C-alpha atoms as a PDB file:
ATOM      1  CA  THR A   1       0.034  -0.070   0.071  1.00  0.00           C
ATOM      2  CA  ASP A   2       0.911   3.562  -0.359  1.00  0.00           C
ATOM      3  CA  ASP A   3      -0.290   6.352   1.871  1.00  0.00           C
ATOM      4  CA  SER A   4       0.964   9.042  -0.472  1.00  0.00           C
ATOM      5  CA  HIS A   5      -1.342  10.064  -3.155  1.00  0.00           C
ATOM      6  CA  MET A   6       0.409  12.946  -4.537  1.00  0.00           C
ATOM      7  CA  PRO A   7       2.520  10.837  -7.179  1.00  0.00           C
ATOM      8  CA  TRP A   8      -0.821   9.688  -8.744  1.00  0.00           C
ATOM      9  CA  ARG A   9      -2.579  12.996  -9.122  1.00  0.00           C
ATOM     10  CA  MET A  10      -2.623  14.896 -12.561  1.00  0.00           C
ATOM     11  CA  GLU A  11      -1.657  18.418 -11.796  1.00  0.00           C
ATOM     12  CA  ASN A  12      -3.177  19.542 -15.166  1.00  0.00           C
ATOM     13  CA  VAL A  13      -6.836  19.883 -15.749  1.00  0.00           C
ATOM     14  CA  TYR A  14      -6.452  19.577 -19.614  1.00  0.00           C
ATOM     15  CA  LEU A  15      -4.349  16.367 -19.280  1.00  0.00           C
ATOM     16  CA  MET A  16      -6.777  15.039 -16.775  1.00  0.00           C
ATOM     17  CA  LEU A  17      -9.898  15.729 -19.082  1.00  0.00           C
ATOM     18  CA  PHE A  18      -7.877  14.074 -21.983  1.00  0.00           C
ATOM     19  CA  PHE A  19      -7.103  11.012 -19.857  1.00  0.00           C
ATOM     20  CA  GLU A  20     -10.711  10.790 -18.367  1.00  0.00           C
ATOM     21  CA  ALA A  21     -13.175  12.044 -20.935  1.00  0.00           C
ATOM     22  CA  GLY A  22     -10.927  11.773 -24.320  1.00  0.00           C
ATOM     23  CA  VAL A  23     -10.651  14.279 -27.061  1.00  0.00           C
ATOM     24  CA  LEU A  24     -14.353  15.018 -27.031  1.00  0.00           C
ATOM     25  CA  GLY A  25     -14.636  15.814 -23.508  1.00  0.00           C
ATOM     26  CA  LEU A  26     -11.477  18.094 -23.726  1.00  0.00           C
ATOM     27  CA  ALA A  27     -12.920  19.751 -26.937  1.00  0.00           C
ATOM     28  CA  ALA A  28     -16.350  20.393 -25.103  1.00  0.00           C
ATOM     29  CA  TYR A  29     -14.565  21.781 -22.007  1.00  0.00           C
ATOM     30  CA  VAL A  30     -12.591  24.181 -24.230  1.00  0.00           C
ATOM     31  CA  ALA A  31     -15.705  25.120 -26.293  1.00  0.00           C
ATOM     32  CA  LEU A  32     -17.588  25.865 -23.257  1.00  0.00           C
ATOM     33  CA  ALA A  33     -14.973  28.031 -21.859  1.00  0.00           C
ATOM     34  CA  GLY A  34     -14.283  29.702 -25.316  1.00  0.00           C
ATOM     35  CA  ALA A  35     -18.004  30.397 -25.703  1.00  0.00           C
ATOM     36  CA  ALA A  36     -18.102  32.020 -22.337  1.00  0.00           C
ATOM     37  CA  ILE A  37     -15.137  34.255 -22.955  1.00  0.00           C
ATOM     38  CA  LEU A  38     -16.281  35.269 -26.278  1.00  0.00           C
ATOM     39  CA  SER A  39     -19.965  36.052 -24.944  1.00  0.00           C
ATOM     40  CA  ALA A  40     -18.395  38.001 -22.077  1.00  0.00           C
ATOM     41  CA  ALA A  41     -16.198  39.924 -24.492  1.00  0.00           C
ATOM     42  CA  ALA A  42     -19.189  40.904 -26.653  1.00  0.00           C
ATOM     43  CA  ALA A  43     -21.118  41.855 -23.503  1.00  0.00           C
ATOM     44  CA  ALA A  44     -18.292  44.007 -22.402  1.00  0.00           C
ATOM     45  CA  ARG A  45     -18.202  45.825 -25.765  1.00  0.00           C
ATOM     46  CA  ALA A  46     -21.864  46.414 -25.392  1.00  0.00           C
ATOM     47  CA  GLY A  47     -21.319  48.021 -22.153  1.00  0.00           C
ATOM     48  CA  VAL A  48     -22.753  45.360 -19.719  1.00  0.00           C
ATOM     49  CA  ALA A  49     -21.624  45.828 -16.219  1.00  0.00           C
ATOM     50  CA  GLY A  50     -19.590  42.940 -14.836  1.00  0.00           C
ATOM     51  CA  ALA A  51     -18.835  41.231 -18.216  1.00  0.00           C
ATOM     52  CA  SER A  52     -15.276  42.050 -17.982  1.00  0.00           C
ATOM     53  CA  SER A  53     -14.933  40.412 -14.460  1.00  0.00           C
ATOM     54  CA  LEU A  54     -16.809  37.242 -15.751  1.00  0.00           C
ATOM     55  CA  MET A  55     -14.308  37.127 -18.647  1.00  0.00           C
ATOM     56  CA  GLY A  56     -11.328  37.540 -16.267  1.00  0.00           C
ATOM     57  CA  ALA A  57     -12.709  34.795 -14.075  1.00  0.00           C
ATOM     58  CA  VAL A  58     -13.083  32.247 -16.682  1.00  0.00           C
ATOM     59  CA  SER A  59      -9.681  33.148 -18.013  1.00  0.00           C
ATOM     60  CA  ALA A  60      -7.985  32.874 -14.599  1.00  0.00           C
ATOM     61  CA  PHE A  61      -9.712  29.472 -14.189  1.00  0.00           C
ATOM     62  CA  LEU A  62      -8.176  28.308 -17.438  1.00  0.00           C
ATOM     63  CA  ILE A  63      -4.797  29.664 -16.540  1.00  0.00           C
ATOM     64  CA  SER A  64      -4.738  28.030 -13.166  1.00  0.00           C
ATOM     65  CA  GLY A  65      -5.932  24.754 -14.789  1.00  0.00           C
ATOM     66  CA  LEU A  66      -2.543  24.515 -16.368  1.00  0.00           C
ATOM     67  CA  PHE A  67      -0.773  23.983 -12.877  1.00  0.00           C
ATOM     68  CA  ASP A  68      -3.485  22.219 -11.032  1.00  0.00           C
ATOM     69  CA  ASN A  69      -6.638  19.991 -11.400  1.00  0.00           C
ATOM     70  CA  VAL A  70      -9.064  22.595 -10.427  1.00  0.00           C
ATOM     71  CA  LEU A  71     -12.045  20.390 -11.483  1.00  0.00           C
ATOM     72  CA  GLU A  72     -11.084  17.865  -8.796  1.00  0.00           C
ATOM     73  CA  ALA A  73     -13.166  19.553  -6.325  1.00  0.00           C
ATOM     74  CA  PRO A  74     -16.919  19.458  -7.128  1.00  0.00           C
ATOM     75  CA  ARG A  75     -17.702  22.816  -5.595  1.00  0.00           C
ATOM     76  CA  ILE A  76     -15.098  24.787  -7.454  1.00  0.00           C
ATOM     77  CA  ALA A  77     -16.170  22.804 -10.719  1.00  0.00           C
ATOM     78  CA  ALA A  78     -19.710  23.813 -10.027  1.00  0.00           C
ATOM     79  CA  LEU A  79     -18.843  27.539  -9.544  1.00  0.00           C
ATOM     80  CA  PHE A  80     -16.857  27.364 -12.716  1.00  0.00           C
ATOM     81  CA  PHE A  81     -19.685  26.236 -14.606  1.00  0.00           C
ATOM     82  CA  LEU A  82     -22.142  28.625 -13.143  1.00  0.00           C
ATOM     83  CA  VAL A  83     -19.633  31.565 -14.080  1.00  0.00           C
ATOM     84  CA  CYS A  84     -19.666  30.269 -17.623  1.00  0.00           C
ATOM     85  CA  ILE A  85     -23.363  30.281 -17.854  1.00  0.00           C
ATOM     86  CA  CYS A  86     -23.536  33.704 -16.295  1.00  0.00           C
ATOM     87  CA  ALA A  87     -20.938  34.769 -18.906  1.00  0.00           C
ATOM     88  CA  TYR A  88     -22.878  33.208 -21.794  1.00  0.00           C
ATOM     89  CA  ALA A  89     -26.185  34.763 -20.456  1.00  0.00           C
ATOM     90  CA  ALA A  90     -24.688  38.296 -20.431  1.00  0.00           C
ATOM     91  CA  ARG A  91     -24.236  38.350 -24.132  1.00  0.00           C
ATOM     92  CA  PRO A  92     -26.034  41.164 -25.954  1.00  0.00           C
ATOM     93  CA  ARG A  93     -29.432  40.089 -27.438  1.00  0.00           C
ATOM     94  CA  HIS A  94     -30.696  41.217 -30.828  1.00  0.00           C
ATOM     95  CA  ASP A  95     -34.307  42.393 -30.899  1.00  0.00           C
ATOM     96  CA  PRO A  96     -36.608  40.808 -33.178  1.00  0.00           C
ATOM     97  CA  PRO A  97     -37.580  42.945 -36.396  1.00  0.00           C
ATOM     98  CA  THR A  98     -40.561  45.174 -35.440  1.00  0.00           C
ATOM     99  CA  ALA A  99     -41.436  46.369 -38.938  1.00  0.00           C
ATOM    100  CA  GLY A 100     -41.171  45.516 -42.591  1.00  0.00           C
ATOM    101  CA  PRO A 101     -41.181  42.263 -44.492  1.00  0.00           C
ATOM    102  CA  ALA A 102     -38.779  40.402 -42.127  1.00  0.00           C
ATOM    103  CA  ALA A 103     -41.242  41.029 -39.308  1.00  0.00           C
ATOM    104  CA  GLU A 104     -44.070  39.646 -41.295  1.00  0.00           C
ATOM    105  CA  ALA A 105     -42.229  36.412 -42.170  1.00  0.00           C
ATOM    106  CA  VAL A 106     -41.505  35.637 -38.362  1.00  0.00           C
ATOM    107  CA  THR A 107     -44.359  33.982 -36.410  1.00  0.00           C
ATOM    108  CA  TRP A 108     -44.112  34.539 -32.730  1.00  0.00           C
ATOM    109  CA  PHE A 109     -46.146  32.245 -30.638  1.00  0.00           C
END
């Protein structure tokens, strides 16, 4: 037996995701984080308050994942996914057309 678990830990979240979830899992993680950063950047350009802090939080999590397995703790992983959802929800919305032929072609239920 071995009481020291440190040699068995992966200290990189990307390597851990590749090992546990494969290429598709790693791609999904990077796509989620990329969509959150791009949405927060668009919201920051539109003047949404707090969008730049969401972009910074996701970026900091991605950088810290290079040196530690930050998804190992479920509470921190849930916090990361909630921040990604908030960043994605902060993106600016486009209003539906209100007049003209494009408005008549759209059916709103």
